[in-house]
C-alpha atoms as a PDB file:
ATOM      1  CA  MET A   1     110.403 235.557   0.141  1.00  0.00           C
ATOM      2  CA  ASN A   2     113.940 234.559   1.116  1.00  0.00           C
ATOM      3  CA  ASP A   3     114.384 231.143  -0.502  1.00  0.00           C
ATOM      4  CA  GLU A   4     117.931 230.642   0.747  1.00  0.00           C
ATOM      5  CA  CYS A   5     116.790 230.527   4.369  1.00  0.00           C
ATOM      6  CA  ALA A   6     114.021 228.050   3.534  1.00  0.00           C
ATOM      7  CA  LEU A   7     116.455 225.732   1.739  1.00  0.00           C
ATOM      8  CA  ALA A   8     118.957 225.924   4.567  1.00  0.00           C
ATOM      9  CA  GLN A   9     116.284 224.907   7.085  1.00  0.00           C
ATOM     10  CA  ASP A  10     115.119 221.987   4.927  1.00  0.00           C
ATOM     11  CA  ASP A  11     118.650 220.650   4.478  1.00  0.00           C
ATOM     12  CA  ALA A  12     119.437 220.771   8.189  1.00  0.00           C
ATOM     13  CA  PRO A  13     119.142 217.416   9.984  1.00  0.00           C
ATOM     14  CA  SER A  14     116.201 217.213  12.324  1.00  0.00           C
ATOM     15  CA  ALA A  15     116.969 217.236  16.030  1.00  0.00           C
ATOM     16  CA  GLU A  16     114.285 214.608  16.667  1.00  0.00           C
ATOM     17  CA  PRO A  17     115.095 211.108  15.358  1.00  0.00           C
ATOM     18  CA  ARG A  18     112.478 209.316  13.316  1.00  0.00           C
ATOM     19  CA  GLY A  19     111.068 206.257  15.001  1.00  0.00           C
ATOM     20  CA  CYS A  20     108.812 203.338  14.271  1.00  0.00           C
ATOM     21  CA  LEU A  21     105.658 205.446  14.028  1.00  0.00           C
ATOM     22  CA  PHE A  22     107.212 207.411  11.167  1.00  0.00           C
ATOM     23  CA  ALA A  23     107.828 204.137   9.319  1.00  0.00           C
ATOM     24  CA  LEU A  24     104.222 203.048   9.856  1.00  0.00           C
ATOM     25  CA  SER A  25     102.961 206.336   8.448  1.00  0.00           C
ATOM     26  CA  GLN A  26     104.383 205.562   5.006  1.00  0.00           C
ATOM     27  CA  PRO A  27     101.657 204.610   2.482  1.00  0.00           C
ATOM     28  CA  PRO A  28     103.507 201.701   0.757  1.00  0.00           C
ATOM     29  CA  LEU A  29     104.150 199.971   4.083  1.00  0.00           C
ATOM     30  CA  MET A  30     100.554 200.449   5.198  1.00  0.00           C
ATOM     31  CA  LEU A  31      99.252 199.069   1.886  1.00  0.00           C
ATOM     32  CA  PHE A  32     101.519 196.034   2.234  1.00  0.00           C
ATOM     33  CA  LEU A  33     100.385 195.427   5.821  1.00  0.00           C
ATOM     34  CA  ALA A  34      96.740 195.862   4.783  1.00  0.00           C
ATOM     35  CA  VAL A  35      97.117 193.230   2.048  1.00  0.00           C
ATOM     36  CA  ILE A  36      98.792 190.791   4.459  1.00  0.00           C
ATOM     37  CA  GLY A  37      96.062 191.422   7.047  1.00  0.00           C
ATOM     38  CA  LEU A  38      93.361 190.883   4.428  1.00  0.00           C
ATOM     39  CA  LEU A  39      94.924 187.576   3.378  1.00  0.00           C
ATOM     40  CA  LEU A  40      95.068 186.439   7.011  1.00  0.00           C
ATOM     41  CA  LEU A  41      91.442 187.478   7.529  1.00  0.00           C
ATOM     42  CA  LEU A  42      90.307 185.642   4.395  1.00  0.00           C
ATOM     43  CA  GLY A  43      92.178 182.525   5.514  1.00  0.00           C
ATOM     44  CA  ALA A  44      90.566 182.662   8.958  1.00  0.00           C
ATOM     45  CA  VAL A  45      87.072 183.147   7.529  1.00  0.00           C
ATOM     46  CA  HIS A  46      87.656 180.303   5.092  1.00  0.00           C
ATOM     47  CA  ASP A  47      88.762 177.982   7.904  1.00  0.00           C
ATOM     48  CA  LEU A  48      85.929 178.940  10.234  1.00  0.00           C
ATOM     49  CA  TYR A  49      82.950 179.049   7.879  1.00  0.00           C
ATOM     50  CA  ILE A  50      83.740 177.115   4.710  1.00  0.00           C
ATOM     51  CA  LEU A  51      85.807 174.134   5.880  1.00  0.00           C
END
């Protein structure tokens, strides 16, 4: 019920630094990597089975 304490905790910098796994957990980055992976997979399938 004390909103001031909650805001003060949210504004405080975290003691644990964010690393690479935090960056990979972001949805836009994962969507971008999924699209790139799909394009690579389609290119490989095209080379192996169609050409």
